[in-house]
Protein backbone atom coordinates (compact mmCIF):
# COMPACT_ATOMS: atom_id res chain seq x y z
CA MET A 1 118.39 124.15 168.81
CA ARG A 2 118.64 126.61 165.93
CA ARG A 3 118.11 127.16 162.22
CA LEU A 4 115.71 124.42 161.07
CA LEU A 5 114.86 126.01 157.78
CA PRO A 6 118.35 125.97 156.32
CA LEU A 7 118.51 122.23 156.50
CA LEU A 8 115.31 121.83 154.61
CA VAL A 9 116.12 124.10 151.73
CA SER A 10 119.59 122.75 151.27
CA ALA A 11 118.63 119.11 151.54
CA THR A 12 118.89 118.38 147.83
CA LEU A 13 120.53 121.02 145.76
CA ILE A 14 123.09 123.67 146.29
CA ALA A 15 122.52 125.02 142.82
CA ALA A 16 118.93 125.87 143.62
CA ALA A 17 119.93 127.22 146.98
CA CYS A 18 122.32 129.52 145.22
CA GLY A 19 119.50 131.02 143.23
CA SER A 20 118.87 128.62 140.37
CA ASP A 21 115.74 129.56 138.46
CA SER A 22 114.64 128.92 134.94
CA ASP A 23 114.26 132.66 134.39
CA SER A 24 117.16 133.87 136.51
CA SER A 25 120.57 135.25 135.73
CA ALA A 26 123.91 134.67 137.40
CA ASP A 27 122.75 137.14 140.02
CA THR A 28 120.00 134.92 141.36
CA THR A 29 120.98 133.86 144.84
CA ALA A 30 119.98 131.56 147.60
CA ASP A 31 116.84 131.97 149.61
CA THR A 32 115.55 129.73 152.32
CA THR A 33 112.68 130.13 154.71
CA PRO A 34 111.66 131.78 158.04
CA GLY A 35 112.13 132.45 161.85
CA THR A 36 109.53 133.44 164.66
CA ALA A 37 107.50 136.59 164.78
CA ALA A 38 105.27 136.86 167.83
CA THR A 39 108.31 136.89 170.09
CA THR A 40 110.24 138.68 167.36
CA ALA A 41 107.78 141.56 167.43
CA GLU A 42 108.72 142.26 171.03
CA ALA A 43 112.43 142.27 170.20
CA VAL A 44 111.96 144.58 167.23
CA THR A 45 109.81 146.96 169.27
CA ALA A 46 112.39 147.07 172.04
CA THR A 47 115.14 147.84 169.55
CA THR A 48 113.11 150.56 167.87
CA GLU A 49 112.22 152.24 171.15
CA ALA A 50 115.90 152.48 171.98
CA PHE A 51 116.28 154.96 169.11
CA ALA A 52 112.88 156.68 169.08
CA GLU A 53 111.15 158.51 171.88
CA THR A 54 107.70 157.66 170.61
CA THR A 55 105.99 155.16 168.37
CA PRO A 56 102.70 155.55 166.50
CA ASP A 57 99.58 155.37 168.63
CA THR A 58 97.66 152.41 167.20
CA SER A 59 94.43 153.82 168.62
CA LYS A 60 94.55 156.90 166.43
CA ALA A 61 92.80 157.13 163.10
CA PRO A 62 94.74 155.55 160.20
CA VAL A 63 96.97 157.80 158.18
CA GLU A 64 95.25 159.15 155.13
CA THR A 65 95.90 157.83 151.67
CA VAL A 66 96.34 160.06 148.64
CA PRO A 67 93.26 162.31 148.21
CA GLU A 68 91.38 162.54 144.97
CA SER A 69 93.08 165.83 144.18
CA THR A 70 96.25 165.71 142.13
CA GLU A 71 98.32 167.16 144.98
CA PRO A 72 99.97 164.45 147.13
CA MET A 73 99.70 164.74 150.90
CA ALA A 74 102.66 164.86 153.22
CA PRO A 75 101.38 163.54 156.58
CA ALA A 76 103.46 164.39 159.64
CA VAL A 77 105.44 161.19 160.12
CA THR A 78 108.99 160.67 161.32
CA ALA A 79 111.61 158.14 160.29
CA ALA A 80 111.40 156.48 163.70
CA GLU A 81 107.63 156.13 163.37
CA LEU A 82 108.06 154.40 160.01
CA ALA A 83 110.29 151.84 161.72
CA ALA A 84 107.51 150.92 164.13
CA THR A 85 104.22 149.21 163.32
CA GLY A 86 101.80 151.56 161.58
CA PRO A 87 98.28 152.64 162.61
CA TYR A 88 96.30 149.95 160.76
CA ALA A 89 95.31 146.55 162.04
CA VAL A 90 96.39 143.87 159.56
CA GLY A 91 94.45 141.13 157.83
CA VAL A 92 95.74 138.23 155.76
CA THR A 93 93.98 136.00 153.29
CA THR A 94 94.83 133.48 150.55
CA ARG A 95 93.68 133.42 146.94
CA THR A 96 94.61 131.20 143.97
CA LEU A 97 96.11 132.09 140.60
CA PRO A 98 94.09 131.00 137.54
CA GLU A 99 96.86 128.54 136.64
CA GLY A 100 97.06 127.28 140.22
CA GLY A 101 99.30 128.32 143.06
CA GLY A 102 98.46 130.19 146.23
CA VAL A 103 98.66 133.96 146.64
CA GLU A 104 99.11 135.32 150.15
CA ILE A 105 97.67 138.80 150.63
CA TRP A 106 98.26 141.11 153.60
CA TYR A 107 96.05 144.21 153.83
CA PRO A 108 94.97 147.05 156.13
CA ALA A 109 92.13 145.70 158.24
CA ASP A 110 89.22 147.14 160.17
CA GLU A 111 90.08 148.19 163.72
CA SER A 112 87.62 145.61 165.06
CA THR A 113 89.95 142.84 163.88
CA ARG A 114 92.92 143.99 165.95
CA GLY A 115 94.40 141.46 168.35
CA GLY A 116 94.45 138.40 166.09
CA THR A 117 97.49 136.36 165.16
CA ASP A 118 98.27 134.30 162.08
CA THR A 119 100.82 131.49 161.98
CA TYR A 120 102.37 129.64 159.08
CA SER A 121 104.34 126.41 159.27
CA LEU A 122 107.30 125.45 157.15
CA ARG A 123 105.82 121.96 156.94
CA THR A 124 103.18 123.36 154.58
CA TYR A 125 105.82 124.04 151.94
CA LEU A 126 107.80 120.80 152.19
CA PRO A 127 107.28 117.54 150.32
CA ASP A 128 105.15 115.27 152.52
CA SER A 129 107.95 112.74 152.78
CA LEU A 130 110.27 115.31 154.33
CA ALA A 131 107.68 117.14 156.44
CA GLY A 132 106.80 113.83 158.09
CA LEU A 133 110.39 113.37 159.25
CA ILE A 134 110.35 116.51 161.41
CA PRO A 135 109.58 115.59 165.04
CA ASP A 136 106.39 117.14 166.38
CA ASP A 137 108.25 118.85 169.19
CA ILE A 138 110.34 120.93 166.78
CA ASP A 139 108.82 124.34 166.16
CA VAL A 140 108.91 125.32 162.48
CA SER A 141 106.34 128.12 162.66
CA PHE A 142 106.30 131.88 162.32
CA THR A 143 103.58 134.15 163.74
CA ILE A 144 102.52 137.69 162.91
CA ASP A 145 99.95 140.00 164.46
CA ALA A 146 97.23 139.69 161.83
CA THR A 147 93.71 138.33 161.59
CA ARG A 148 93.06 135.75 158.89
CA ASP A 149 90.17 136.76 156.63
CA GLY A 150 89.37 139.76 158.81
CA ALA A 151 87.31 142.64 157.45
CA ALA A 152 89.34 145.13 155.43
CA ALA A 153 89.65 148.79 156.43
CA ALA A 154 86.88 150.80 154.81
CA VAL A 155 89.02 153.79 153.81
CA GLY A 156 90.74 152.21 150.78
CA PRO A 157 91.64 151.56 148.08
CA PHE A 158 95.28 151.04 149.05
CA PRO A 159 98.38 150.86 146.84
CA LEU A 160 99.80 147.43 145.97
CA VAL A 161 103.24 145.88 146.58
CA LEU A 162 104.02 142.59 144.80
CA GLN A 163 106.72 140.47 146.45
CA SER A 164 108.97 137.82 144.86
CA HIS A 165 110.77 135.24 147.01
CA GLY A 166 114.25 133.88 146.36
CA ALA A 167 115.57 130.40 145.67
CA ALA A 168 114.16 127.60 147.83
CA GLY A 169 111.69 130.11 149.30
CA PHE A 170 107.92 130.32 149.49
CA ARG A 171 105.21 132.95 149.38
CA GLN A 172 105.06 133.67 153.14
CA VAL A 173 108.81 133.88 153.73
CA SER A 174 108.78 137.70 154.01
CA SER A 175 105.68 137.97 156.19
CA SER A 176 107.47 140.32 158.57
CA VAL A 177 107.99 143.00 155.91
CA ALA A 178 104.54 142.35 154.40
CA HIS A 179 102.85 142.81 157.77
CA HIS A 180 104.72 146.04 158.40
CA LEU A 181 103.74 147.55 155.06
CA ALA A 182 100.10 146.53 155.50
CA SER A 183 100.07 148.27 158.88
CA TRP A 184 101.08 151.43 157.02
CA GLY A 185 98.23 151.29 154.51
CA MET A 186 99.45 149.05 151.68
CA VAL A 187 98.24 145.77 150.23
CA VAL A 188 101.08 143.26 149.86
CA ALA A 189 100.83 140.06 147.81
CA ALA A 190 103.21 137.16 147.23
CA THR A 191 102.98 133.84 145.42
CA ASP A 192 105.14 130.72 145.08
CA HIS A 193 107.54 130.40 142.15
CA PRO A 194 107.68 126.71 141.08
CA SER A 195 110.97 127.32 139.27
CA ARG A 196 112.69 127.87 142.62
CA ASP A 197 110.27 127.31 145.52
CA THR A 198 110.96 125.16 148.57
CA GLY A 199 109.11 122.02 147.50
CA ASN A 200 110.49 121.84 143.98
CA SER A 201 114.00 122.77 145.11
CA ILE A 202 114.11 119.96 147.64
CA SER A 203 112.47 117.48 145.26
CA GLY A 204 114.79 118.42 142.41
CA THR A 205 111.86 119.32 140.15
CA THR A 206 112.57 122.97 139.37
CA GLU A 207 113.69 122.17 135.82
CA GLY A 208 111.06 122.93 133.20
CA GLN A 209 108.88 125.00 135.51
CA PRO A 210 107.53 128.33 134.19
CA PRO A 211 109.71 131.37 134.90
CA ALA A 212 108.99 133.31 138.07
CA ILE A 213 108.00 136.45 136.23
CA GLU A 214 104.94 134.64 134.89
CA GLN A 215 103.53 134.15 138.39
CA LEU A 216 104.39 137.74 139.29
CA ARG A 217 102.44 139.04 136.29
CA SER A 218 99.54 136.67 136.87
CA MET A 219 99.36 137.85 140.47
CA ARG A 220 99.21 141.46 139.34
CA THR A 221 96.32 140.63 137.01
CA LEU A 222 94.48 138.80 139.78
CA LEU A 223 94.86 141.66 142.24
CA GLY A 224 93.70 144.13 139.61
CA ASP A 225 90.29 142.50 139.22
CA LEU A 226 88.79 141.69 142.62
CA GLY A 227 85.27 142.90 142.00
CA GLY A 228 82.89 140.82 144.07
CA ASP A 229 85.60 139.41 146.34
CA PRO A 230 84.04 139.05 149.80
CA ILE A 231 87.03 140.67 151.54
CA LEU A 232 89.11 142.52 148.97
CA ASP A 233 86.54 144.13 146.68
CA GLY A 234 87.49 147.82 146.48
CA VAL A 235 90.58 147.38 148.67
CA VAL A 236 93.34 147.40 146.02
CA ASP A 237 94.37 150.43 143.98
CA ALA A 238 95.68 148.65 140.88
CA ASP A 239 96.93 151.94 139.42
CA ARG A 240 99.59 152.26 142.12
CA VAL A 241 101.87 149.22 141.97
CA ALA A 242 105.43 148.71 143.22
CA LEU A 243 107.62 145.62 143.63
CA GLY A 244 109.86 144.00 146.23
CA GLY A 245 112.13 140.97 145.97
CA HIS A 246 114.83 139.14 147.93
CA SER A 247 117.83 137.40 146.38
CA ALA A 248 116.61 135.67 143.19
CA GLY A 249 113.38 137.61 143.65
CA GLY A 250 115.35 140.81 143.21
CA GLY A 251 116.24 139.69 139.69
CA THR A 252 112.60 138.87 138.92
CA ILE A 253 111.27 142.24 140.03
CA ALA A 254 114.03 144.10 138.20
CA GLN A 255 112.99 142.36 135.00
CA ALA A 256 109.33 143.23 135.60
CA ALA A 257 110.16 146.85 136.45
CA ALA A 258 112.12 147.14 133.19
CA GLU A 259 109.57 145.44 130.94
CA ASP A 260 106.11 146.08 132.39
CA GLU A 261 104.06 149.27 132.24
CA GLY A 262 102.86 151.06 135.33
CA ILE A 263 105.44 149.95 137.90
CA LEU A 264 106.18 152.95 140.12
CA GLY A 265 109.32 151.65 141.83
CA TYR A 266 110.98 148.62 143.43
CA VAL A 267 112.94 147.52 146.50
CA SER A 268 115.67 144.91 145.96
CA TYR A 269 117.15 143.00 148.92
CA SER A 270 120.46 141.10 148.63
CA SER A 271 120.33 141.07 144.85
CA SER A 272 121.27 142.93 141.67
CA LEU A 273 119.86 143.22 138.15
CA ARG A 274 119.07 141.17 135.09
CA ASP A 275 119.95 142.25 131.56
CA ALA A 276 117.66 145.29 131.45
CA VAL A 277 118.00 148.35 133.68
CA PRO A 278 114.65 149.64 135.00
CA GLU A 279 113.97 153.33 134.55
CA VAL A 280 111.86 153.75 137.71
CA PRO A 281 112.89 154.76 141.25
CA SER A 282 114.67 152.07 143.25
CA LEU A 283 115.95 151.18 146.70
CA PHE A 284 118.69 148.57 147.15
CA MET A 285 119.47 146.97 150.51
CA ALA A 286 122.24 144.51 151.33
CA GLY A 287 124.16 143.04 154.25
CA GLU A 288 127.79 144.06 154.41
CA ILE A 289 128.98 140.54 155.33
CA ASP A 290 126.67 138.59 153.02
CA THR A 291 128.73 135.65 151.71
CA VAL A 292 125.98 134.36 149.40
CA ALA A 293 125.23 137.50 147.37
CA GLU A 294 128.07 139.85 148.17
CA ALA A 295 127.20 143.47 148.82
CA ALA A 296 129.49 144.44 145.95
CA ASN A 297 126.95 142.95 143.52
CA THR A 298 124.20 145.14 144.94
CA GLU A 299 126.48 148.16 144.83
CA ALA A 300 127.20 147.48 141.15
CA ALA A 301 123.48 147.36 140.40
CA PHE A 302 122.95 150.66 142.17
CA GLU A 303 125.65 152.25 140.00
CA LEU A 304 123.80 151.13 136.85
CA VAL A 305 120.32 152.39 137.62
CA PRO A 306 119.14 155.96 137.01
CA SER A 307 118.26 158.40 139.77
CA PRO A 308 116.43 158.60 142.03
CA SER A 309 117.87 155.58 143.78
CA TRP A 310 119.13 154.68 147.24
CA LEU A 311 121.65 152.09 148.42
CA TRP A 312 121.56 150.88 152.04
CA ILE A 313 124.35 148.63 153.33
CA PHE A 314 123.79 147.15 156.81
CA ALA A 315 126.92 146.45 158.85
CA ASP A 316 127.14 143.06 160.60
CA ALA A 317 124.28 141.67 158.50
CA GLY A 318 124.10 138.86 155.97
CA HIS A 319 121.90 137.33 153.30
CA GLN A 320 118.98 136.21 155.46
CA ALA A 321 118.62 139.45 157.42
CA PHE A 322 115.70 140.55 155.21
CA PRO A 323 113.12 137.70 155.16
CA ASP A 324 111.81 135.76 158.20
CA VAL A 325 114.37 132.96 157.80
CA CYS A 326 116.53 133.43 160.88
CA LEU A 327 113.59 133.54 163.28
CA ILE A 328 111.53 130.52 162.27
CA GLY A 329 110.60 128.53 165.33
CA GLY A 330 112.07 131.29 167.47
CA GLY A 331 115.46 130.72 165.84
CA ASP A 332 115.89 127.75 168.08
CA ALA A 333 117.06 124.82 165.95
CA THR A 334 120.63 124.05 164.99
CA LEU A 335 121.03 122.74 161.50
CA GLY A 336 123.26 119.89 162.61
CA GLU A 337 120.85 118.67 165.28
CA ILE A 338 117.85 118.76 162.98
CA ALA A 339 119.73 117.07 160.15
CA VAL A 340 120.70 114.20 162.44
CA GLN A 341 117.15 113.85 163.78
CA ILE A 342 115.61 113.48 160.34
CA GLY A 343 118.40 111.33 158.92
CA LEU A 344 120.09 113.90 156.69
CA GLY A 345 123.14 114.64 158.79
CA ASP A 346 125.55 112.99 156.35
CA PHE A 347 124.25 115.07 153.44
CA ILE A 348 124.67 118.56 154.92
CA ASP A 349 128.22 119.80 154.52
CA GLU A 350 129.65 122.97 155.95
CA GLY A 351 129.18 124.90 152.70
CA LEU A 352 125.46 124.20 152.61
CA ARG A 353 125.06 125.10 156.26
CA ARG A 354 126.71 128.45 155.65
CA LEU A 355 124.61 129.09 152.58
CA ALA A 356 121.32 128.33 154.28
CA SER A 357 121.94 130.32 157.45
CA ASP A 358 124.02 133.25 156.20
CA GLY A 359 123.01 136.23 158.29
CA CYS A 360 121.55 134.25 161.19
CA ASP A 361 124.54 133.56 163.44
CA GLU A 362 127.58 135.42 164.70
CA PRO A 363 129.33 137.52 163.53
CA ASN A 364 125.98 138.77 162.27
CA ARG A 365 123.99 140.80 164.75
CA PRO A 366 120.48 139.55 165.61
CA VAL A 367 118.09 140.28 162.77
CA ALA A 368 115.63 141.80 165.25
CA GLU A 369 118.15 144.64 165.59
CA VAL A 370 118.32 145.10 161.81
CA TRP A 371 114.63 144.95 160.97
CA PRO A 372 113.63 148.42 162.25
CA GLY A 373 115.98 149.99 159.70
CA ILE A 374 114.72 147.71 156.93
CA PHE A 375 111.15 148.59 157.83
CA GLN A 376 111.90 152.31 157.97
CA GLY A 377 113.61 152.52 154.59
CA THR A 378 111.22 150.22 152.79
CA THR A 379 108.11 151.95 154.13
CA GLY A 380 109.45 155.44 153.46
CA PHE A 381 110.36 154.52 149.88
CA TYR A 382 106.98 153.01 149.03
CA ARG A 383 105.07 155.89 150.64
CA TRP A 384 106.97 158.30 148.44
CA VAL A 385 106.57 156.42 145.14
CA PHE A 386 102.87 155.93 145.92
CA GLY A 387 102.42 159.68 146.42
CA ILE A 388 101.51 159.45 150.12
CA ASP A 389 104.46 161.68 151.06
CA ALA A 390 105.41 164.65 148.90
CA GLU A 391 109.11 164.06 149.66
CA PRO A 392 110.95 160.91 150.76
CA ILE A 393 110.89 160.44 154.54
CA GLY A 394 113.27 158.16 156.38
CA LEU A 395 115.62 157.53 153.46
CA ASP A 396 118.46 159.67 154.77
CA GLU A 397 120.89 159.06 157.61
CA SER A 398 118.18 159.32 160.30
CA VAL A 399 118.03 155.52 160.57
CA VAL A 400 116.84 153.85 163.77
CA THR A 401 119.21 150.95 163.10
CA PRO A 402 122.85 151.99 163.65
CA GLY A 403 125.58 150.92 161.28
CA VAL A 404 123.83 151.66 157.99
CA THR A 405 125.74 153.27 155.13
CA ILE A 406 123.46 155.18 152.78
CA THR A 407 124.26 156.37 149.28
CA SER A 408 121.75 158.21 147.13
CA LYS A 409 121.51 159.82 143.74
């Protein structure tokens, strides 16, 4: 059994799956949902160790953040270390936007919290009528090594990364990347976009919803004023903010980076730009055999933006190589089997199956082999724009994942 998520996101509309959003451009592309992580963590670690002799010692003191002096620090860290889990334990908690809508927040946690796990279920994001059709013995969960509502690390505040999911996605769909960044001393936050999230996409109710950039901006405001919060008070450095987005989310963050003050940089996965071209540093990543948002679109966006910018193209990788999608439930459910079991087999044609699972099956390599490179480049980029490293580390050809073509300017 494999690929449960794809079925769910494609159940009602291919337009939404292709990136339909009330605030999106033609670039907005499909997004679905996740894969497994507890078992995935082992696979990613094994892949990383094949290319690096050592990984960070999680028992050592956390890496230092930028000191109060104006001179940025350049801690001794290697590209291979950035690909592996960082020195911080990770916590995760949920808050609510003033207008409604959950915000998932991953953060560096106190060492005493280490050892916990946090699991989300795709059922949470589906209309009740559809969630109830999924047999109980089908795993639709994804687990990360994090403690829910655990005490935050006391050495903050930490810089902030705001994530934006793609079409038919949800706020936890990139938990793997969020967890990794939090382990390296960053707060990561993501919220649902009603104009393209899983529930509204499947229900056909995306029309008329507020544009995604509104939730992104509201989330930034929320995270900038956490005084008195029992867990996050003093944890977030609201003066150091960067963005990350997959597929349609890449268009949303590009718009925010172009229009909003104080954004230090952004990472765009499987996406391109909107009308405006941001003037801040950028990192673009794409799968070479993505058939949903072709790598050529990402390459064109890279050509438009000013320097400094990096373009990473992963060989044998597709659209869903970047979020959790391919590993939900351990990557164990075939779309056809699930569709038949919940009575939707006749409604899922071959085009929708391809769209929802692009990047998950052959000829794509397993995403666990791709993630170390994604983690390395993403972490190195954010550390540099946040001033943690004086020069970019891990953004050159020293990539733990083979088969990556890098262009920079």
